[in-house]
Amino acid sequence: MLDPKLFEDFTQRVSGLIAKSPAADIEKNVRSMMGSFFSKLDLVTREEFDTQANVLARTRQLVDQLTARLDELEKTPK
């Protein structure tokens, strides 16, 4: 069976090598590029989306109520 200390030591050494390698710089550059790319898009947050979805749902409900009332008024003779 493997010694847990040996496994921890191996993990720390690999992590140290990765941190010192160009992979860390590549990751940083990719994150920066992706951040720049997404900032140029016209995106909204989930909170903004949910707020607008609620507004739309209330508006649909109001339109349905007004349509029903209009249908009722059109049925009554003058």
N, C-alpha and C. Protein backbone atom coordinates (compact mmCIF):
# COMPACT_ATOMS: atom_id res chain seq x y z
N MET A 1 0.84 -1.17 0.00
CA MET A 1 0.00 0.00 0.00
C MET A 1 0.89 1.24 0.00
N LEU A 2 0.43 2.29 -0.66
CA LEU A 2 1.21 3.53 -0.74
C LEU A 2 1.13 4.31 0.56
N ASP A 3 2.24 4.89 0.91
CA ASP A 3 2.31 5.72 2.10
C ASP A 3 1.66 7.07 1.79
N PRO A 4 0.69 7.54 2.58
CA PRO A 4 0.04 8.83 2.31
C PRO A 4 1.02 9.99 2.28
N LYS A 5 2.06 9.92 3.11
CA LYS A 5 3.05 11.00 3.12
C LYS A 5 3.80 11.06 1.79
N LEU A 6 4.08 9.89 1.23
CA LEU A 6 4.75 9.83 -0.06
C LEU A 6 3.88 10.45 -1.15
N PHE A 7 2.59 10.14 -1.08
CA PHE A 7 1.65 10.69 -2.06
C PHE A 7 1.55 12.22 -1.92
N GLU A 8 1.48 12.72 -0.68
CA GLU A 8 1.44 14.17 -0.45
C GLU A 8 2.70 14.85 -0.97
N ASP A 9 3.83 14.24 -0.72
CA ASP A 9 5.11 14.79 -1.17
C ASP A 9 5.13 14.86 -2.70
N PHE A 10 4.67 13.81 -3.34
CA PHE A 10 4.63 13.78 -4.81
C PHE A 10 3.70 14.87 -5.33
N THR A 11 2.53 15.01 -4.71
CA THR A 11 1.56 16.03 -5.13
C THR A 11 2.15 17.42 -4.98
N GLN A 12 2.82 17.68 -3.87
CA GLN A 12 3.42 19.00 -3.65
C GLN A 12 4.52 19.29 -4.67
N ARG A 13 5.31 18.27 -4.98
CA ARG A 13 6.39 18.48 -5.97
C ARG A 13 5.81 18.77 -7.36
N VAL A 14 4.78 18.03 -7.75
CA VAL A 14 4.15 18.28 -9.06
C VAL A 14 3.52 19.66 -9.08
N SER A 15 2.85 20.03 -8.01
CA SER A 15 2.24 21.37 -7.94
C SER A 15 3.31 22.45 -8.04
N GLY A 16 4.44 22.24 -7.37
CA GLY A 16 5.54 23.20 -7.45
C GLY A 16 6.10 23.32 -8.84
N LEU A 17 6.24 22.19 -9.51
CA LEU A 17 6.75 22.22 -10.89
C LEU A 17 5.79 22.95 -11.83
N ILE A 18 4.51 22.69 -11.66
CA ILE A 18 3.52 23.36 -12.51
C ILE A 18 3.52 24.86 -12.26
N ALA A 19 3.62 25.25 -10.99
CA ALA A 19 3.63 26.67 -10.65
C ALA A 19 4.83 27.39 -11.25
N LYS A 20 5.96 26.68 -11.37
CA LYS A 20 7.17 27.29 -11.93
C LYS A 20 7.26 27.16 -13.45
N SER A 21 6.38 26.37 -14.03
CA SER A 21 6.45 26.12 -15.47
C SER A 21 5.68 27.19 -16.25
N PRO A 22 5.82 27.19 -17.54
CA PRO A 22 5.06 28.12 -18.38
C PRO A 22 3.55 27.85 -18.33
N ALA A 23 3.14 26.70 -17.83
CA ALA A 23 1.71 26.38 -17.76
C ALA A 23 0.97 27.41 -16.90
N ALA A 24 1.58 27.87 -15.83
CA ALA A 24 0.94 28.87 -14.98
C ALA A 24 0.75 30.17 -15.75
N ASP A 25 1.76 30.57 -16.51
CA ASP A 25 1.64 31.79 -17.33
C ASP A 25 0.60 31.62 -18.41
N ILE A 26 0.56 30.44 -19.00
CA ILE A 26 -0.43 30.18 -20.05
C ILE A 26 -1.84 30.27 -19.47
N GLU A 27 -2.03 29.68 -18.30
CA GLU A 27 -3.35 29.74 -17.67
C GLU A 27 -3.75 31.18 -17.39
N LYS A 28 -2.81 31.97 -16.87
CA LYS A 28 -3.09 33.37 -16.57
C LYS A 28 -3.46 34.13 -17.85
N ASN A 29 -2.71 33.88 -18.93
CA ASN A 29 -2.99 34.56 -20.20
C ASN A 29 -4.32 34.14 -20.79
N VAL A 30 -4.64 32.86 -20.69
CA VAL A 30 -5.92 32.38 -21.22
C VAL A 30 -7.07 32.99 -20.43
N ARG A 31 -6.93 33.05 -19.12
CA ARG A 31 -7.98 33.68 -18.29
C ARG A 31 -8.17 35.14 -18.68
N SER A 32 -7.08 35.83 -18.90
CA SER A 32 -7.15 37.23 -19.29
C SER A 32 -7.83 37.39 -20.65
N MET A 33 -7.46 36.55 -21.59
CA MET A 33 -8.08 36.61 -22.93
C MET A 33 -9.57 36.30 -22.86
N MET A 34 -9.92 35.28 -22.07
CA MET A 34 -11.34 34.92 -21.95
C MET A 34 -12.12 36.05 -21.28
N GLY A 35 -11.54 36.67 -20.26
CA GLY A 35 -12.19 37.80 -19.59
C GLY A 35 -12.42 38.95 -20.55
N SER A 36 -11.42 39.23 -21.37
CA SER A 36 -11.54 40.29 -22.36
C SER A 36 -12.61 39.96 -23.40
N PHE A 37 -12.63 38.72 -23.84
CA PHE A 37 -13.62 38.28 -24.82
C PHE A 37 -15.04 38.42 -24.27
N PHE A 38 -15.26 37.94 -23.04
CA PHE A 38 -16.60 37.99 -22.47
C PHE A 38 -17.03 39.42 -22.14
N SER A 39 -16.09 40.29 -21.83
CA SER A 39 -16.45 41.66 -21.52
C SER A 39 -16.93 42.40 -22.78
N LYS A 40 -16.51 41.94 -23.95
CA LYS A 40 -16.94 42.57 -25.20
C LYS A 40 -18.34 42.12 -25.62
N LEU A 41 -18.79 40.99 -25.08
CA LEU A 41 -20.13 40.50 -25.42
C LEU A 41 -21.18 41.25 -24.61
N ASP A 42 -22.36 41.31 -25.16
CA ASP A 42 -23.47 41.98 -24.48
C ASP A 42 -24.21 40.96 -23.62
N LEU A 43 -23.61 40.60 -22.48
CA LEU A 43 -24.17 39.58 -21.61
C LEU A 43 -24.81 40.23 -20.39
N VAL A 44 -25.78 39.53 -19.82
CA VAL A 44 -26.42 39.98 -18.59
C VAL A 44 -26.17 38.94 -17.50
N THR A 45 -26.29 39.39 -16.28
CA THR A 45 -26.13 38.46 -15.17
C THR A 45 -27.40 37.62 -15.03
N ARG A 46 -27.30 36.53 -14.31
CA ARG A 46 -28.47 35.67 -14.08
C ARG A 46 -29.54 36.44 -13.32
N GLU A 47 -29.12 37.29 -12.39
CA GLU A 47 -30.07 38.09 -11.62
C GLU A 47 -30.85 39.05 -12.52
N GLU A 48 -30.15 39.71 -13.44
CA GLU A 48 -30.83 40.61 -14.38
C GLU A 48 -31.79 39.83 -15.27
N PHE A 49 -31.38 38.66 -15.72
CA PHE A 49 -32.23 37.83 -16.57
C PHE A 49 -33.49 37.42 -15.82
N ASP A 50 -33.33 36.96 -14.58
CA ASP A 50 -34.48 36.53 -13.78
C ASP A 50 -35.43 37.69 -13.50
N THR A 51 -34.87 38.87 -13.25
CA THR A 51 -35.71 40.05 -13.03
C THR A 51 -36.55 40.36 -14.26
N GLN A 52 -35.93 40.35 -15.43
CA GLN A 52 -36.66 40.62 -16.66
C GLN A 52 -37.69 39.53 -16.96
N ALA A 53 -37.38 38.29 -16.64
CA ALA A 53 -38.33 37.19 -16.84
C ALA A 53 -39.55 37.39 -15.95
N ASN A 54 -39.35 37.86 -14.72
CA ASN A 54 -40.47 38.14 -13.82
C ASN A 54 -41.32 39.29 -14.34
N VAL A 55 -40.67 40.34 -14.83
CA VAL A 55 -41.40 41.47 -15.40
C VAL A 55 -42.23 41.00 -16.59
N LEU A 56 -41.65 40.19 -17.44
CA LEU A 56 -42.38 39.67 -18.60
C LEU A 56 -43.56 38.82 -18.18
N ALA A 57 -43.39 37.99 -17.16
CA ALA A 57 -44.49 37.14 -16.69
C ALA A 57 -45.64 38.00 -16.15
N ARG A 58 -45.31 39.04 -15.39
CA ARG A 58 -46.37 39.93 -14.88
C ARG A 58 -47.05 40.68 -16.02
N THR A 59 -46.28 41.09 -17.02
CA THR A 59 -46.86 41.79 -18.17
C THR A 59 -47.79 40.87 -18.94
N ARG A 60 -47.39 39.63 -19.14
CA ARG A 60 -48.27 38.67 -19.82
C ARG A 60 -49.56 38.47 -19.06
N GLN A 61 -49.46 38.38 -17.73
CA GLN A 61 -50.65 38.19 -16.90
C GLN A 61 -51.58 39.38 -17.05
N LEU A 62 -51.04 40.59 -17.04
CA LEU A 62 -51.84 41.80 -17.20
C LEU A 62 -52.49 41.84 -18.58
N VAL A 63 -51.75 41.48 -19.62
CA VAL A 63 -52.31 41.46 -20.98
C VAL A 63 -53.45 40.46 -21.06
N ASP A 64 -53.27 39.28 -20.45
CA ASP A 64 -54.34 38.28 -20.45
C ASP A 64 -55.58 38.80 -19.73
N GLN A 65 -55.39 39.49 -18.60
CA GLN A 65 -56.52 40.06 -17.87
C GLN A 65 -57.23 41.13 -18.70
N LEU A 66 -56.46 41.99 -19.33
CA LEU A 66 -57.05 43.05 -20.14
C LEU A 66 -57.75 42.49 -21.37
N THR A 67 -57.19 41.44 -21.96
CA THR A 67 -57.82 40.80 -23.11
C THR A 67 -59.15 40.18 -22.70
N ALA A 68 -59.18 39.52 -21.56
CA ALA A 68 -60.42 38.92 -21.08
C ALA A 68 -61.46 40.00 -20.79
N ARG A 69 -61.04 41.11 -20.20
CA ARG A 69 -61.98 42.20 -19.92
C ARG A 69 -62.50 42.82 -21.21
N LEU A 70 -61.62 43.00 -22.18
CA LEU A 70 -62.04 43.55 -23.47
C LEU A 70 -63.03 42.62 -24.16
N ASP A 71 -62.77 41.33 -24.12
CA ASP A 71 -63.71 40.36 -24.72
C ASP A 71 -65.06 40.44 -24.04
N GLU A 72 -65.06 40.60 -22.72
CA GLU A 72 -66.30 40.71 -21.96
C GLU A 72 -67.05 41.98 -22.34
N LEU A 73 -66.33 43.08 -22.46
CA LEU A 73 -66.98 44.35 -22.84
C LEU A 73 -67.53 44.31 -24.26
N GLU A 74 -66.85 43.63 -25.17
CA GLU A 74 -67.31 43.53 -26.54
C GLU A 74 -68.56 42.67 -26.66
N LYS A 75 -68.76 41.75 -25.73
CA LYS A 75 -69.94 40.87 -25.77
C LYS A 75 -71.20 41.55 -25.27
N THR A 76 -71.04 42.54 -24.41
CA THR A 76 -72.22 43.21 -23.84
C THR A 76 -72.81 44.13 -24.91
N PRO A 77 -74.15 44.06 -25.05
CA PRO A 77 -74.80 44.94 -26.06
C PRO A 77 -74.81 46.39 -25.59
N LYS A 78 -74.80 47.27 -26.55
CA LYS A 78 -74.80 48.70 -26.24
C LYS A 78 -76.18 49.25 -26.28
